[in-house]
Amino acid sequence: MTLKVTSSAFQQGGSIPAQYTCEGDDISPPLAWAGLPNNTKTIAMIVDDPDAPDPAKPQRVYVHWVVYNMPAQTTSLPENASKSGMPAGALQGKNDWGKAEYGGPCPPIGRHRYFFKLYALDTTLGLKAATKADFEKAVKGHIVDSGELMGTYQRAKK
């Protein structure tokens, strides 16, 4: 992993602001990256939570966003890109809510970690409405580099 992934909304390991979660506007945060290899054909991103449902006893990885086929020259996604417009050619796959869009952090208990994983690929994926599992099968042997940004979130006490 050598790609650098950043957000102007939160730092590596920092708390994700509520506006990017189910307690706020539930919009995708602004993201940027650097260091794509020259042989990158497309870029993909998976956002997931390995702490579901309870960080003390995680049982599954919950998928919040699947994005693929972003053009190689893409270096960022603006805030709310999931709903306001993705780069030309980019596709959004199905998250674990069954929707082809960003679904923000919404942990039922405790502070969860959310990984924004970026992949530089040497191919364009011929997938439609892909799940993370579909994506993982399709990219075998095609990842030329990767990087990630991790943020955390805990719901406000009620």
Protein backbone atom coordinates (compact mmCIF):
# COMPACT_ATOMS: atom_id res chain seq x y z
CA MET A 1 0.00 0.00 0.00
CA THR A 2 1.68 3.18 -1.17
CA LEU A 3 -1.23 5.35 -2.31
CA LYS A 4 -1.95 8.25 0.02
CA VAL A 5 -5.66 8.74 0.75
CA THR A 6 -6.82 11.84 2.65
CA SER A 7 -9.94 13.78 3.54
CA SER A 8 -10.29 17.46 4.43
CA ALA A 9 -13.10 16.37 6.81
CA PHE A 10 -11.09 14.09 9.13
CA GLN A 11 -7.54 12.91 9.77
CA GLN A 12 -6.15 9.37 9.61
CA GLY A 13 -7.52 7.59 12.70
CA GLY A 14 -9.71 10.58 13.58
CA SER A 15 -13.42 10.89 14.17
CA ILE A 16 -15.65 11.16 11.09
CA PRO A 17 -17.90 14.26 11.42
CA ALA A 18 -21.59 13.47 12.03
CA GLN A 19 -22.72 15.08 8.74
CA TYR A 20 -21.19 12.08 6.89
CA THR A 21 -23.15 9.57 9.02
CA CYS A 22 -26.73 8.39 9.56
CA GLU A 23 -27.03 10.97 12.33
CA GLY A 24 -26.33 13.81 9.90
CA ASP A 25 -26.81 14.31 6.15
CA ASP A 26 -25.49 10.79 5.33
CA ILE A 27 -23.37 12.17 2.48
CA SER A 28 -19.98 10.92 1.33
CA PRO A 29 -17.03 12.91 2.69
CA PRO A 30 -14.55 14.75 0.45
CA LEU A 31 -11.68 12.42 -0.45
CA ALA A 32 -8.38 12.90 -2.28
CA TRP A 33 -5.46 10.65 -3.23
CA ALA A 34 -2.01 10.78 -4.71
CA GLY A 35 0.67 8.43 -5.99
CA LEU A 36 -1.17 6.45 -8.67
CA PRO A 37 1.19 4.27 -10.74
CA ASN A 38 1.55 5.08 -14.46
CA ASN A 39 -0.09 1.78 -15.46
CA THR A 40 -3.34 2.64 -13.62
CA LYS A 41 -6.31 2.23 -15.95
CA THR A 42 -9.13 2.75 -13.42
CA ILE A 43 -9.56 3.48 -9.72
CA ALA A 44 -11.89 1.79 -7.24
CA MET A 45 -12.89 2.38 -3.63
CA ILE A 46 -14.47 0.19 -0.98
CA VAL A 47 -15.64 1.68 2.33
CA ASP A 48 -16.28 -0.86 5.05
CA ASP A 49 -16.56 -1.40 8.79
CA PRO A 50 -14.85 -4.52 10.22
CA ASP A 51 -16.33 -3.91 13.69
CA ALA A 52 -20.00 -4.79 13.03
CA PRO A 53 -22.15 -5.06 14.94
CA ASP A 54 -20.13 -4.62 18.17
CA PRO A 55 -16.40 -3.73 18.26
CA ALA A 56 -16.04 -5.91 21.37
CA LYS A 57 -17.33 -8.94 19.41
CA PRO A 58 -17.16 -8.21 15.67
CA GLN A 59 -19.13 -10.69 13.57
CA ARG A 60 -18.86 -9.31 10.06
CA VAL A 61 -17.49 -6.61 7.80
CA TYR A 62 -20.27 -4.18 6.87
CA VAL A 63 -19.93 -2.58 3.42
CA HIS A 64 -20.83 1.12 3.16
CA TRP A 65 -19.74 2.01 -0.39
CA VAL A 66 -18.49 0.27 -3.53
CA VAL A 67 -17.13 2.47 -6.35
CA TYR A 68 -15.26 1.29 -9.44
CA ASN A 69 -14.21 2.28 -12.97
CA MET A 70 -13.23 5.82 -11.95
CA PRO A 71 -10.93 7.20 -14.68
CA ALA A 72 -7.19 7.00 -13.88
CA GLN A 73 -6.85 10.80 -13.94
CA THR A 74 -9.32 11.17 -11.04
CA THR A 75 -7.52 12.47 -7.95
CA SER A 76 -10.44 13.27 -5.67
CA LEU A 77 -14.15 12.99 -4.96
CA PRO A 78 -15.97 16.06 -3.65
CA GLU A 79 -18.30 15.99 -0.68
CA ASN A 80 -21.58 14.22 -1.55
CA ALA A 81 -20.12 12.75 -4.77
CA SER A 82 -22.20 9.61 -4.28
CA LYS A 83 -25.45 11.54 -4.80
CA SER A 84 -24.34 14.71 -6.63
CA GLY A 85 -22.34 13.12 -9.42
CA MET A 86 -19.49 10.69 -9.83
CA PRO A 87 -16.69 11.05 -12.40
CA ALA A 88 -17.66 10.05 -15.96
CA GLY A 89 -17.61 6.26 -16.31
CA ALA A 90 -17.54 5.58 -12.57
CA LEU A 91 -20.06 3.08 -11.22
CA GLN A 92 -21.40 2.56 -7.72
CA GLY A 93 -21.98 -1.00 -6.58
CA LYS A 94 -24.33 -2.27 -3.89
CA ASN A 95 -23.60 -1.61 -0.24
CA ASP A 96 -24.91 -3.84 2.55
CA TRP A 97 -28.18 -1.86 2.60
CA GLY A 98 -28.67 -3.09 -0.99
CA LYS A 99 -28.27 0.43 -2.43
CA ALA A 100 -25.83 1.61 -5.10
CA GLU A 101 -24.67 4.66 -3.13
CA TYR A 102 -22.73 5.75 -0.06
CA GLY A 103 -24.25 4.79 3.27
CA GLY A 104 -22.60 6.57 6.18
CA PRO A 105 -21.47 5.16 9.50
CA CYS A 106 -24.38 4.13 11.73
CA PRO A 107 -22.93 1.83 14.40
CA PRO A 108 -25.47 0.23 16.76
CA ILE A 109 -22.98 0.12 19.66
CA GLY A 110 -19.49 1.41 20.43
CA ARG A 111 -16.87 3.21 18.35
CA HIS A 112 -16.34 1.58 14.95
CA ARG A 113 -13.51 1.93 12.43
CA TYR A 114 -14.33 2.81 8.81
CA PHE A 115 -11.77 2.01 6.12
CA PHE A 116 -11.79 4.00 2.87
CA LYS A 117 -9.75 1.61 0.69
CA LEU A 118 -8.50 2.91 -2.66
CA TYR A 119 -7.31 0.60 -5.44
CA ALA A 120 -5.36 1.41 -8.61
CA LEU A 121 -6.34 -1.19 -11.23
CA ASP A 122 -4.78 -2.13 -14.57
CA THR A 123 -8.20 -2.85 -16.11
CA THR A 124 -11.77 -1.60 -16.47
CA LEU A 125 -14.22 -3.85 -14.65
CA GLY A 126 -17.14 -5.24 -16.65
CA LEU A 127 -19.45 -5.34 -13.66
CA LYS A 128 -22.96 -3.98 -13.15
CA ALA A 129 -24.25 -3.10 -9.66
CA ALA A 130 -21.42 -5.14 -8.13
CA THR A 131 -21.22 -6.12 -4.48
CA LYS A 132 -17.91 -6.09 -2.62
CA ALA A 133 -17.68 -9.87 -3.18
CA ASP A 134 -18.18 -9.42 -6.96
CA PHE A 135 -15.55 -6.68 -6.94
CA GLU A 136 -13.02 -8.79 -5.03
CA LYS A 137 -13.36 -11.66 -7.53
CA ALA A 138 -13.05 -9.34 -10.54
CA VAL A 139 -9.90 -7.53 -9.31
CA LYS A 140 -7.78 -10.61 -8.58
CA GLY A 141 -4.47 -10.01 -10.36
CA HIS A 142 -5.44 -6.47 -11.41
CA ILE A 143 -4.55 -4.37 -8.32
CA VAL A 144 -1.36 -2.42 -9.09
CA ASP A 145 -1.38 -0.41 -5.85
CA SER A 146 -3.63 0.49 -2.95
CA GLY A 147 -3.95 2.78 0.03
CA GLU A 148 -6.44 3.54 2.77
CA LEU A 149 -7.77 6.15 5.13
CA MET A 150 -9.33 5.05 8.41
CA GLY A 151 -11.78 7.12 10.41
CA THR A 152 -13.85 6.24 13.46
CA TYR A 153 -17.40 6.99 14.56
CA GLN A 154 -19.57 6.41 17.62
CA ARG A 155 -23.20 7.47 17.72
CA ALA A 156 -24.27 10.14 20.14
CA LYS A 157 -25.74 8.84 23.38
CA LYS A 158 -29.53 9.10 23.49
